Protein backbone atom coordinates (compact mmCIF):
# COMPACT_ATOMS: atom_id res chain seq x y z
CA MET A 1 -69.65 -14.03 -32.97
CA GLU A 2 -67.10 -12.71 -35.38
CA ASN A 3 -63.73 -12.82 -33.75
CA THR A 4 -65.20 -16.63 -32.61
CA SER A 5 -65.57 -17.52 -36.48
CA GLN A 6 -62.39 -15.63 -37.29
CA LYS A 7 -60.66 -17.79 -34.90
CA LYS A 8 -62.76 -21.14 -36.07
CA LYS A 9 -61.39 -19.84 -39.74
CA MET A 10 -57.57 -19.04 -39.28
CA SER A 11 -55.32 -21.86 -39.74
CA PRO A 12 -53.48 -24.03 -37.20
CA ALA A 13 -50.16 -22.96 -38.50
CA LYS A 14 -51.04 -18.94 -38.33
CA ARG A 15 -52.25 -19.90 -34.89
CA ARG A 16 -49.21 -21.53 -33.98
CA ARG A 17 -46.97 -18.86 -35.19
CA LYS A 18 -48.75 -16.06 -33.17
CA ARG A 19 -48.29 -18.23 -30.14
CA ILE A 20 -45.20 -18.52 -30.97
CA GLN A 21 -44.99 -14.40 -31.59
CA LYS A 22 -46.87 -13.96 -28.19
CA ALA A 23 -44.07 -16.07 -26.69
CA PHE A 24 -41.19 -14.41 -27.87
CA ARG A 25 -42.57 -11.25 -27.12
CA ILE A 26 -43.20 -12.12 -23.58
CA ALA A 27 -39.37 -13.70 -23.43
CA GLY A 28 -38.09 -9.94 -24.91
CA GLU A 29 -40.04 -8.37 -22.28
CA ILE A 30 -38.95 -10.49 -19.54
CA LEU A 31 -35.36 -10.22 -20.61
CA VAL A 32 -35.31 -6.52 -20.76
CA GLY A 33 -37.23 -6.23 -17.70
CA ILE A 34 -34.23 -8.21 -16.10
CA GLN A 35 -31.97 -6.00 -17.69
CA ILE A 36 -33.73 -3.08 -16.04
CA LEU A 37 -33.32 -4.70 -12.91
CA VAL A 38 -29.81 -5.45 -13.12
CA THR A 39 -29.03 -1.81 -14.38
CA LEU A 40 -30.52 -0.59 -10.63
CA VAL A 41 -28.17 -2.97 -8.92
CA PHE A 42 -25.41 -1.98 -10.90
CA ILE A 43 -26.23 2.13 -10.11
CA GLY A 44 -26.83 1.00 -6.51
CA CYS A 45 -23.19 -0.57 -6.64
CA ILE A 46 -21.51 1.96 -7.98
CA TRP A 47 -23.18 4.50 -5.39
CA ARG A 48 -22.55 2.11 -2.86
CA LEU A 49 -18.65 2.09 -3.53
CA GLY A 50 -18.60 6.31 -3.68
CA MET A 51 -15.84 7.22 -5.58
CA ILE A 52 -17.67 8.50 -8.77
CA PRO A 53 -19.29 11.74 -8.52
CA THR A 54 -23.02 12.34 -8.24
CA LYS A 55 -23.90 13.74 -11.71
CA LEU A 56 -21.82 11.51 -13.44
CA VAL A 57 -23.53 8.27 -11.59
CA ALA A 58 -26.78 10.11 -12.55
CA GLY A 59 -25.54 10.23 -16.45
CA LEU A 60 -24.68 6.62 -16.38
CA ALA A 61 -28.00 5.68 -14.81
CA ALA A 62 -29.56 7.89 -17.49
CA ILE A 63 -28.19 6.35 -20.49
CA LEU A 64 -28.41 2.72 -19.20
CA LEU A 65 -31.96 3.23 -18.46
CA VAL A 66 -32.52 5.18 -21.93
CA PHE A 67 -31.24 2.15 -23.53
CA ALA A 68 -33.14 -0.27 -21.67
CA ALA A 69 -36.04 1.83 -22.68
CA LEU A 70 -35.21 1.80 -26.33
CA LEU A 71 -35.10 -2.40 -26.43
CA PHE A 72 -38.45 -2.88 -24.93
CA THR A 73 -40.19 -0.27 -27.37
CA MET A 74 -38.43 -2.55 -30.02
CA GLN A 75 -39.96 -5.41 -28.40
CA VAL A 76 -43.30 -3.73 -28.52
CA ILE A 77 -43.31 -2.91 -31.97
CA THR A 78 -42.17 -5.51 -33.48
CA ARG A 79 -44.88 -7.77 -31.27
CA GLY A 80 -41.45 -9.53 -30.50
CA ARG A 81 -39.57 -10.00 -33.73
CA ALA A 82 -36.56 -8.36 -32.96
CA ILE A 83 -34.06 -11.17 -32.17
CA VAL A 84 -31.32 -8.95 -32.11
CA SER A 85 -32.35 -6.50 -29.62
CA LYS A 86 -33.24 -10.08 -27.30
CA LEU A 87 -29.47 -10.65 -27.70
CA VAL A 88 -28.10 -6.92 -26.84
CA SER A 89 -30.38 -7.33 -23.48
CA VAL A 90 -28.94 -10.94 -22.85
CA LEU A 91 -25.61 -9.27 -23.22
CA MET A 92 -25.96 -6.02 -21.41
CA SER A 93 -27.45 -7.90 -18.49
CA VAL A 94 -24.34 -10.47 -18.11
CA ILE A 95 -21.92 -7.26 -18.55
CA LEU A 96 -23.84 -5.32 -15.84
CA VAL A 97 -24.09 -8.39 -13.66
CA LEU A 98 -20.44 -9.04 -13.88
CA GLY A 99 -19.60 -5.10 -13.36
CA SER A 100 -21.59 -5.42 -10.15
CA VAL A 101 -19.83 -8.24 -9.06
CA TYR A 102 -16.77 -6.59 -9.62
CA LEU A 103 -17.95 -3.28 -7.84
CA PHE A 104 -18.97 -5.16 -4.75
CA ARG A 105 -15.53 -6.54 -4.67
CA THR A 106 -13.94 -3.43 -4.67
CA HIS A 107 -15.46 -2.03 -2.28
CA ASP A 108 -14.78 -4.91 0.18
CA ALA A 109 -11.01 -4.90 -1.27
CA VAL A 110 -11.31 -0.75 -0.10
CA GLU A 111 -12.82 -1.67 3.27
CA GLU A 112 -9.65 -4.21 3.89
CA LEU A 113 -7.39 -1.36 3.09
CA THR A 114 -8.34 0.94 4.68
CA ASP A 115 -8.34 -1.29 8.14
CA ASN A 116 -6.88 0.27 10.42
CA SER A 117 -3.93 -1.99 10.74
CA LEU A 118 -1.97 -0.14 13.64
CA GLY A 119 -3.93 -3.02 16.02
CA LYS A 120 -1.59 -5.52 14.48
CA GLN A 121 1.75 -6.33 14.13
CA VAL A 122 3.95 -9.04 12.42
CA HIS A 123 7.12 -10.08 13.34
CA SER A 124 9.10 -11.80 10.81
CA MET A 125 11.52 -14.56 13.09
CA LEU A 126 14.60 -15.65 11.60
CA VAL A 127 16.06 -18.60 13.12
CA ALA A 128 20.02 -18.53 11.78
CA VAL A 129 23.19 -20.79 11.81
CA ARG A 130 26.65 -20.16 10.86
CA SER A 131 27.06 -20.61 7.08
CA ASP A 132 29.62 -23.63 7.53
CA ASP A 133 27.15 -25.24 9.91
CA PRO A 134 25.92 -28.47 8.17
CA ALA A 135 22.23 -27.76 9.41
CA GLU A 136 19.71 -27.09 6.82
CA LYS A 137 16.69 -26.60 8.35
CA VAL A 138 15.39 -26.26 11.74
CA GLN A 139 14.47 -30.09 12.05
CA ASP A 140 18.00 -30.70 12.01
CA THR A 141 18.98 -28.48 15.21
CA LYS A 142 17.11 -30.46 18.11
CA ASP A 143 20.65 -30.85 19.81
CA TYR A 144 21.67 -27.16 19.72
CA ILE A 145 21.57 -24.69 22.16
CA TYR A 146 20.10 -21.57 20.45
CA GLY A 147 20.67 -17.78 21.45
CA ILE A 148 17.36 -15.74 22.40
CA GLN A 149 17.05 -12.20 23.45
CA LYS A 150 13.79 -11.34 25.64
CA LYS A 151 12.81 -7.45 25.17
CA PRO A 152 10.77 -5.69 27.47
CA GLY A 153 6.91 -6.18 25.86
CA GLU A 154 8.01 -8.94 23.18
CA ASP A 155 8.21 -11.88 25.63
CA GLU A 156 5.27 -13.32 23.37
CA VAL A 157 6.67 -12.87 20.73
CA ILE A 158 9.67 -14.90 21.42
CA ASN A 159 7.62 -17.54 23.21
CA LYS A 160 5.44 -18.26 20.64
CA ALA A 161 8.78 -18.36 17.91
CA MET A 162 10.09 -21.25 20.17
CA GLU A 163 6.70 -23.30 20.38
CA LYS A 164 7.21 -23.32 16.69
CA ILE A 165 10.84 -24.08 16.81
CA ASN A 166 10.55 -26.60 19.48
CA GLU A 167 7.29 -27.95 17.57
CA ASP A 168 9.48 -28.52 14.06
CA ALA A 169 12.94 -29.66 15.86
CA GLY A 170 10.63 -32.20 17.98
CA ALA A 171 12.32 -31.06 20.85
CA GLU A 172 12.17 -28.65 23.58
CA VAL A 173 15.78 -26.93 22.20
CA MET A 174 18.16 -25.68 25.14
CA THR A 175 18.33 -21.67 24.79
CA ALA A 176 20.91 -19.21 26.21
CA GLN A 177 19.87 -15.70 27.08
CA TYR A 178 21.32 -12.26 25.69
CA ASN A 179 20.66 -8.82 26.69
CA THR A 180 21.12 -7.42 23.08
CA LEU A 181 20.79 -8.37 19.72
CA THR A 182 25.09 -7.78 19.36
CA ASP A 183 25.65 -10.06 21.76
CA GLN A 184 23.47 -13.18 20.12
CA ALA A 185 24.92 -12.13 17.13
CA ALA A 186 28.67 -12.04 18.38
CA ALA A 187 28.13 -15.76 20.37
CA LEU A 188 26.44 -17.28 16.95
CA LEU A 189 29.93 -15.99 15.40
CA ASP A 190 32.45 -17.29 18.18
CA LYS A 191 30.60 -20.44 18.23
CA SER A 192 29.22 -19.79 22.12
CA VAL A 193 25.87 -20.93 20.53
CA GLU A 194 24.91 -22.83 17.43
CA ALA A 195 21.59 -20.84 16.38
CA ILE A 196 20.12 -17.69 17.36
CA VAL A 197 16.33 -16.58 16.52
CA TYR A 198 15.77 -12.77 15.77
CA ASP A 199 13.68 -10.34 14.28
CA GLU A 200 13.98 -9.76 10.54
CA GLY A 201 13.35 -6.06 11.33
CA TYR A 202 16.91 -6.25 12.99
CA GLY A 203 18.73 -8.03 10.41
CA GLY A 204 20.36 -4.82 8.59
CA ILE A 205 21.57 -2.98 11.75
CA LEU A 206 23.42 -6.53 12.32
CA ASP A 207 25.06 -6.00 9.08
CA GLU A 208 26.03 -2.50 10.31
CA VAL A 209 27.92 -4.01 13.54
CA PHE A 210 29.16 -6.80 11.89
CA GLU A 211 31.10 -6.27 8.45
CA GLY A 212 29.46 -8.54 5.84
CA PHE A 213 26.97 -10.72 8.51
CA ASN A 214 24.69 -12.10 6.35
CA ASN A 215 27.80 -13.62 4.63
CA GLN A 216 28.51 -15.47 7.50
CA ILE A 217 25.07 -17.14 8.64
CA LYS A 218 22.79 -18.91 6.52
CA ILE A 219 18.57 -18.47 7.38
CA ILE A 220 17.21 -22.01 7.79
CA GLY A 221 13.93 -20.93 9.54
CA GLN A 222 11.34 -18.04 9.37
CA TYR A 223 7.91 -17.83 11.39
CA SER A 224 5.48 -14.91 11.13
CA ILE A 225 4.16 -14.14 14.61
CA GLU A 226 1.02 -11.48 14.63
CA VAL A 227 0.61 -9.67 17.55
CA GLU A 228 -1.81 -7.34 18.65
CA VAL A 229 -0.63 -3.32 19.70
CA ASP A 230 -1.59 -1.68 22.90
CA GLU A 231 -5.36 0.43 22.32
CA GLU A 232 -3.25 3.66 23.37
CA ASN A 233 -0.70 3.19 20.01
CA LEU A 234 -4.00 3.32 18.13
CA LEU A 235 -4.60 6.78 18.86
CA LEU A 236 -1.39 8.25 16.84
CA GLY A 237 -1.67 9.15 13.56
CA THR A 238 -5.38 8.67 13.02
CA SER A 239 -8.38 11.41 11.93
CA GLU A 240 -11.21 11.09 11.10
CA GLU A 241 -11.91 14.79 11.52
CA VAL A 242 -9.95 15.81 8.36
CA ASP A 243 -11.55 17.05 5.38
CA VAL A 244 -9.65 15.43 2.82
CA THR A 245 -11.39 17.81 0.05
CA LYS A 246 -11.13 21.24 2.00
CA ASP A 247 -8.43 20.79 4.68
CA THR A 248 -4.65 20.97 4.14
CA PHE A 249 -2.99 17.41 5.55
CA SER A 250 -0.19 15.67 5.59
CA ILE A 251 0.54 11.82 4.89
CA TYR A 252 3.42 9.88 6.13
CA ILE A 253 4.80 7.43 3.23
CA SER A 254 6.75 4.52 4.97
CA GLY A 255 8.77 2.53 2.94
CA ILE A 256 9.75 -0.62 4.56
CA ASP A 257 12.85 -2.92 3.78
CA VAL A 258 10.85 -6.21 3.45
CA PHE A 259 9.10 -8.44 1.03
CA GLY A 260 6.23 -10.15 1.94
CA PRO A 261 3.37 -9.08 4.15
CA VAL A 262 3.12 -5.17 4.35
CA ALA A 263 2.41 -5.49 8.63
CA THR A 264 5.77 -6.91 8.95
CA LYS A 265 7.39 -5.00 11.59
CA SER A 266 11.03 -3.49 9.93
CA ARG A 267 12.70 -0.72 9.54
CA SER A 268 11.36 2.35 7.51
CA ASP A 269 13.93 2.92 4.88
CA VAL A 270 11.79 5.51 2.87
CA ASN A 271 10.27 8.39 5.10
CA ILE A 272 8.40 11.04 3.11
CA ILE A 273 5.58 13.40 4.39
CA ALA A 274 3.36 14.46 1.54
CA THR A 275 1.94 17.97 2.49
CA ILE A 276 -1.52 18.04 0.35
CA ASN A 277 -3.48 21.39 -0.20
CA PRO A 278 -6.97 20.20 -2.07
CA LYS A 279 -7.66 23.46 -2.45
CA THR A 280 -4.83 25.11 -4.14
CA LYS A 281 -3.85 21.41 -5.60
CA GLN A 282 0.05 21.83 -4.05
CA ILE A 283 1.53 18.66 -2.88
CA LEU A 284 5.12 19.05 -0.88
CA LEU A 285 7.15 15.96 -1.24
CA THR A 286 9.86 15.94 1.93
CA ASN A 287 12.06 13.03 2.07
CA THR A 288 13.77 12.92 5.46
CA PRO A 289 17.09 10.56 4.93
CA ARG A 290 16.92 7.48 6.68
CA ASP A 291 19.75 7.54 8.50
CA TYR A 292 18.91 11.28 10.77
CA TYR A 293 20.42 11.20 14.02
CA VAL A 294 17.05 11.85 16.14
CA GLN A 295 15.17 11.04 19.35
CA ILE A 296 12.25 8.71 19.13
CA PRO A 297 9.31 9.95 21.09
CA GLU A 298 8.42 7.41 24.22
CA VAL A 299 10.98 5.17 23.15
CA SER A 300 15.08 6.75 23.01
CA GLY A 301 13.69 9.08 25.85
CA GLU A 302 16.76 11.63 26.01
CA GLY A 303 18.49 9.28 23.82
CA LYS A 304 18.75 9.61 20.10
CA ASP A 305 18.34 6.51 17.05
CA LYS A 306 18.84 6.45 13.75
CA LEU A 307 15.05 7.50 11.77
CA THR A 308 14.96 3.95 10.44
CA HIS A 309 15.04 2.37 13.49
CA ALA A 310 11.76 3.94 14.55
CA GLY A 311 9.63 1.64 11.97
CA ILE A 312 10.81 -0.99 14.14
CA TYR A 313 8.56 -0.24 17.12
CA GLY A 314 5.63 0.90 14.57
CA VAL A 315 4.59 3.19 11.95
CA ASP A 316 2.99 5.41 14.62
CA LYS A 317 6.44 5.92 16.18
CA SER A 318 8.06 7.25 12.75
CA MET A 319 5.26 9.35 12.50
CA ALA A 320 5.77 10.89 15.96
CA THR A 321 9.55 11.31 14.95
CA LEU A 322 8.97 13.24 12.30
CA GLY A 323 5.98 15.25 13.29
CA GLU A 324 8.00 16.57 16.37
CA LEU A 325 11.24 17.16 14.10
CA TYR A 326 9.15 19.17 11.60
CA GLY A 327 6.57 20.89 14.27
CA ILE A 328 3.54 19.50 12.22
CA ASP A 329 0.85 17.11 12.90
CA ILE A 330 0.63 13.79 10.74
CA PRO A 331 -2.97 12.35 10.58
CA PHE A 332 -2.31 10.05 7.77
CA TYR A 333 -0.01 7.20 6.80
CA ALA A 334 0.68 4.89 3.92
CA ARG A 335 3.08 1.72 4.50
CA VAL A 336 4.13 -0.10 2.10
CA ASN A 337 7.20 -2.32 1.02
CA PHE A 338 9.00 -4.10 -1.81
CA THR A 339 6.24 -6.23 -3.04
CA SER A 340 3.65 -3.32 -2.65
CA LEU A 341 5.83 -0.81 -4.98
CA ILE A 342 6.11 -3.25 -7.75
CA THR A 343 2.52 -4.02 -7.47
CA MET A 344 1.31 -0.60 -7.59
CA VAL A 345 3.74 0.59 -10.47
CA ASP A 346 2.67 -2.23 -12.39
CA SER A 347 -1.03 -1.75 -11.82
CA MET A 348 -0.81 1.85 -13.79
CA GLY A 349 1.28 0.60 -16.63
CA GLY A 350 4.62 1.38 -15.72
CA ILE A 351 5.27 5.16 -14.74
CA ASP A 352 7.81 7.87 -16.06
CA VAL A 353 10.45 8.92 -13.69
CA ASP A 354 12.83 11.68 -14.19
CA SER A 355 16.25 10.52 -13.13
CA GLU A 356 18.91 13.40 -11.92
CA TYR A 357 21.49 11.28 -13.31
CA ALA A 358 22.48 7.86 -15.41
CA CYS A 359 23.31 5.11 -12.94
CA THR A 360 22.92 1.38 -13.12
CA THR A 361 20.76 -0.63 -11.15
CA TYR A 362 20.45 -4.67 -10.76
CA ALA A 363 17.24 -3.99 -13.58
CA GLY A 364 18.97 -2.49 -16.13
CA GLU A 365 20.79 1.19 -17.59
CA VAL A 366 19.36 4.43 -16.42
CA GLN A 367 19.09 6.87 -18.36
CA LYS A 368 19.36 10.96 -17.02
CA GLY A 369 15.95 12.44 -17.53
CA ILE A 370 13.10 10.73 -18.29
CA ASN A 371 12.85 6.60 -17.77
CA HIS A 372 9.64 4.68 -18.28
CA PHE A 373 9.57 1.93 -15.42
CA ASP A 374 7.79 -0.94 -14.49
CA GLY A 375 7.45 -2.12 -10.84
CA GLU A 376 10.65 -4.32 -10.44
CA GLN A 377 12.47 -1.53 -12.22
CA ALA A 378 11.17 1.46 -10.08
CA LEU A 379 11.86 -0.96 -7.41
CA ALA A 380 15.93 -0.76 -8.60
CA PHE A 381 16.27 2.60 -9.16
CA ALA A 382 14.51 3.60 -5.88
CA ARG A 383 17.18 0.70 -3.85
CA GLU A 384 20.55 1.91 -5.86
CA ARG A 385 22.89 3.78 -3.80
CA TYR A 386 26.34 2.32 -4.94
CA SER A 387 26.48 3.45 -8.51
CA LEU A 388 25.43 6.87 -7.30
CA GLU A 389 28.12 9.76 -6.41
CA GLY A 390 26.00 10.92 -3.64
CA GLY A 391 25.32 7.42 -2.40
CA ASP A 392 22.17 7.76 0.19
CA ASN A 393 21.86 11.42 -0.46
CA GLN A 394 20.90 10.68 -3.97
CA ARG A 395 19.22 7.61 -3.11
CA GLY A 396 16.44 9.38 -1.27
CA LYS A 397 16.35 11.70 -4.47
CA ASN A 398 15.43 8.87 -6.36
CA GLN A 399 12.97 7.70 -4.08
CA MET A 400 10.78 10.98 -4.22
CA ALA A 401 11.64 10.55 -7.82
CA VAL A 402 9.60 7.53 -7.85
CA ILE A 403 7.02 9.13 -5.36
CA GLN A 404 6.70 11.74 -7.32
CA ALA A 405 6.17 10.05 -10.86
CA MET A 406 3.48 8.16 -9.03
CA PHE A 407 1.41 10.86 -7.76
CA LYS A 408 1.29 12.68 -11.17
CA LYS A 409 -0.16 9.55 -12.50
CA MET A 410 -2.46 8.57 -10.16
CA ILE A 411 -4.39 11.53 -10.02
CA THR A 412 -4.93 11.91 -14.00
CA PRO A 413 -8.74 11.42 -14.72
CA GLU A 414 -7.59 7.83 -16.41
CA MET A 415 -6.36 7.04 -13.46
CA LEU A 416 -8.68 8.02 -11.23
CA MET A 417 -11.42 6.04 -13.01
CA LYS A 418 -8.86 3.33 -12.70
CA ALA A 419 -8.99 3.61 -8.98
CA PRO A 420 -11.13 1.08 -8.14
CA THR A 421 -9.31 -1.71 -9.88
CA MET A 422 -5.73 -0.39 -8.60
CA ILE A 423 -7.14 -0.35 -5.01
CA SER A 424 -8.66 -3.98 -5.68
CA GLU A 425 -5.34 -5.27 -6.79
CA ILE A 426 -3.48 -3.55 -4.21
CA SER A 427 -5.38 -3.78 -1.06
CA ASP A 428 -2.92 -6.77 0.02
CA SER A 429 -0.09 -4.76 -0.25
CA VAL A 430 -0.63 -1.77 1.49
CA GLU A 431 -1.37 -0.26 4.91
CA THR A 432 -3.33 2.99 5.34
CA ASN A 433 -4.96 4.33 8.20
CA MET A 434 -7.11 6.84 5.85
CA SER A 435 -10.37 6.20 6.06
CA MET A 436 -12.82 4.34 3.21
CA ASP A 437 -15.27 7.81 3.48
CA GLN A 438 -12.07 9.80 3.37
CA ILE A 439 -10.23 8.32 0.05
CA GLN A 440 -14.26 8.45 -1.52
CA LYS A 441 -14.26 11.87 -1.22
CA LEU A 442 -10.93 12.40 -2.58
CA ILE A 443 -11.42 10.23 -5.48
CA GLN A 444 -14.64 11.85 -6.05
CA SER A 445 -13.23 15.73 -5.86
CA GLN A 446 -10.72 15.45 -8.26
CA LEU A 447 -12.76 13.73 -10.38
CA SER A 448 -15.37 16.89 -10.38
CA SER A 449 -12.94 19.41 -9.99
CA GLY A 450 -10.41 18.50 -12.82
CA GLY A 451 -7.63 20.23 -12.80
CA SER A 452 -3.60 20.25 -12.33
CA TRP A 453 -1.51 19.90 -9.60
CA THR A 454 1.81 21.31 -8.69
CA ILE A 455 4.34 18.55 -7.26
CA LYS A 456 7.74 20.02 -5.56
CA SER A 457 10.19 17.95 -3.80
CA VAL A 458 12.50 18.89 -1.06
CA ALA A 459 15.21 16.73 0.77
CA ALA A 460 16.77 17.36 4.34
CA GLU A 461 20.02 17.69 4.47
CA GLY A 462 22.72 16.64 6.98
CA THR A 463 26.34 15.55 7.83
CA GLY A 464 27.81 12.09 7.96
CA ASP A 465 29.16 10.92 11.82
CA SER A 466 29.20 7.84 13.94
CA GLN A 467 27.09 7.70 17.22
CA TYR A 468 25.77 4.89 19.39
CA CYS A 469 22.17 4.45 19.05
CA TYR A 470 19.30 3.41 21.00
CA SER A 471 18.20 0.39 19.20
CA MET A 472 21.79 -1.15 19.19
CA PRO A 473 23.69 0.05 22.54
CA GLY A 474 27.55 -0.48 22.53
CA THR A 475 28.21 0.09 19.01
CA ALA A 476 28.52 3.13 17.12
CA LEU A 477 26.95 3.20 13.89
CA TYR A 478 26.78 5.66 10.97
CA VAL A 479 24.26 8.49 11.42
CA MET A 480 23.26 11.40 9.55
CA GLN A 481 23.50 14.62 12.19
CA PRO A 482 20.52 17.17 11.10
CA ASN A 483 21.13 20.43 9.16
CA MET A 484 18.78 22.26 11.14
CA GLU A 485 18.74 25.03 8.81
CA SER A 486 17.68 22.81 5.70
CA VAL A 487 15.00 21.68 8.32
CA GLU A 488 13.68 25.11 8.92
CA ASN A 489 13.69 25.70 5.63
CA ILE A 490 11.10 22.51 5.29
CA LYS A 491 9.22 23.49 7.77
CA ALA A 492 8.42 27.41 6.19
CA LEU A 493 7.51 25.40 2.80
CA MET A 494 5.18 23.29 4.78
CA GLN A 495 3.62 26.07 6.25
CA THR A 496 3.36 28.05 2.65
CA VAL A 497 1.21 25.05 1.67
CA GLN A 498 -1.12 25.13 4.50
CA ASN A 499 -1.61 28.88 4.51
CA GLY A 500 -2.60 28.41 0.81
CA GLU A 501 0.46 30.29 -0.82
CA LYS A 502 2.35 29.28 -4.18
CA LEU A 503 5.13 27.52 -3.52
CA PRO A 504 8.80 28.75 -4.87
CA GLU A 505 9.88 27.82 -8.38
């Protein structure tokens, strides 16, 4: 009776205030409830990403949940009058939602990065005419004779390219078939044919055979042809069994000499093996000159070719070639191109590269000692050879200096915490066969254990020579005959890392 009389005596304004307070309290509790739910989703996304150590995930979860509990308590104590806590709750929920979306997308980007791309290969097929030819596009060539080459196992590529050319020309063009790319190029230059179609991956070879070839032609068409690789090729260079937190392993770092899609078939101008011991935290970077004269397993037979040409036949062939040279198993690869390097370095905020000599590149001056490079400057430094006394040999060393600077920056706590962002940014620019689980464990392990790494660089040596190459028969090309003493020295250093022993200074 007393409560009823009190309610009767309560003024309409006071009842309205109480209803508003109750509504505010309920709204506050709902907002905090949403915040707690979003917090759990956010923690779940971090856990799904799998790169942050469990103890850090648990600590972050505890902080976020305690913070949400404090906001909830404020709503109860103040009976919903705490406006600031409601705004904070809304802001936190928005941030956590955005964070969850970012983590979810990053997880998908890592999956895309670790998707084994050995199963597909992109051929960049070029249409070339002489530099003085009036044709500016394929549509102008319907009456031309095209010089083509059909290589064993690559009929599908040239057939698809010719289909696209006929479609663009508006007619089925006439063709003349040649046995070698050299014959094709010679026929174009002596006007036996008006146009040729060839794989961009071989373009650099033509410039070796015909001096100034690229200045004597112009490209009027380009077609990207994607083909599947035989399943038997998928096995080489893959290893799900390697425990990257305990086992010593090697990664083949291949730099191809093109822009655009990283799956494009091309020569491998950068050939670096990173031998990594995660227990002793040692990395040995080995550079092998692009012109090394070697056998390409399952390709050249008893014949020999330049190491760079192995990349034309697939990254697995480059891995097999280097594995045979040094007597090691190379389970992993990372394949990058010019576009990739620029993207990776820029996503790191630049790198500090130690240059052995001062030189000039197309991106500017390089001083002897430490230089801070952005992506374009790093690429220019890695490609420069003409202003260097050591030519190609020094360029190889400069490439390793860039890779070493990238490694040093990548293994810092700051960059490891930023790894999800970086992987998301470079997922379209890098190929690797390292599994998602292995990348997750590698990052987790370094964040958990911390500590500095020892990185040593070494380069194989050789002497210049002129020899016939498997990929360009009939023409002697510049090659480098391996210095087997330097190869044996590198083998010993690789074994030192494998054994967990300290690398010599």
